[in-house]
C-alpha cells in the first residue's frame, strides 16, 4: 500500500480549530437555550455534574486557551476555582455562579479565542505548552490547542444529555 504524505500549514490548522470552536460554541448555546439558572443546577441521578458545572468547566478551559493565545482573561482565575477539573460534583447552589454570568463569559471568551487563533504566529504555535494533559514532554501550544478543542466538544455534547435531564427536549436533532 502506498503511503501518502500530507502537509498542512499552521494557518490551515488554525482555521480548522477556529471552525471547530465556532461549532462548539453553537452546540453549547443551543443545548443551553431556554435553560434557567435553577434548571442548570439539575444533576443527573446517576452521579456527575449539572449543566452549570459543565459550562463553568468549559469557561475555565477557555480561559486556559486565552492565556496561550495572548488574549486577556474574561474572568479571574479564582472565580472559576469551583469548576476546575477534578473538583467535586456541584450540589450546593451557593457555590454556583449564575448561569447568565457563565453564558456571558463563555460568549466573550469564544470571541477572544477566535481573535487569538486568527492572529497566532508560527512561533507561538510551536512554543512549548505550559502543561500537557497527555504528559508529553514535547507538547506545543499548537498540539495542546487541539486537545483542548476536543475537550470542549466532548463537554458541549454532555450538555445535550444534561439538557434532557432537566426535562427539556433535545436541541439538536
Foldseek 3Di string as FASTA:
>chain_A
DDDDDDDDDLLVLLVVLLVLLVVLLVLLCLLCPPQAQVLQQQDDPVDDEGNQLLLLLLLLLLQLLCVLLVHDQPDDNVLSPCNHPPHHHDNDSVNTDGPVVSNVSSVVSSVSSSVSSNPPDPCSLQDCRPDDPVPDPRHGSVNVSVVSSVVSNVSSVVSQVNSVSSVDDGRPD
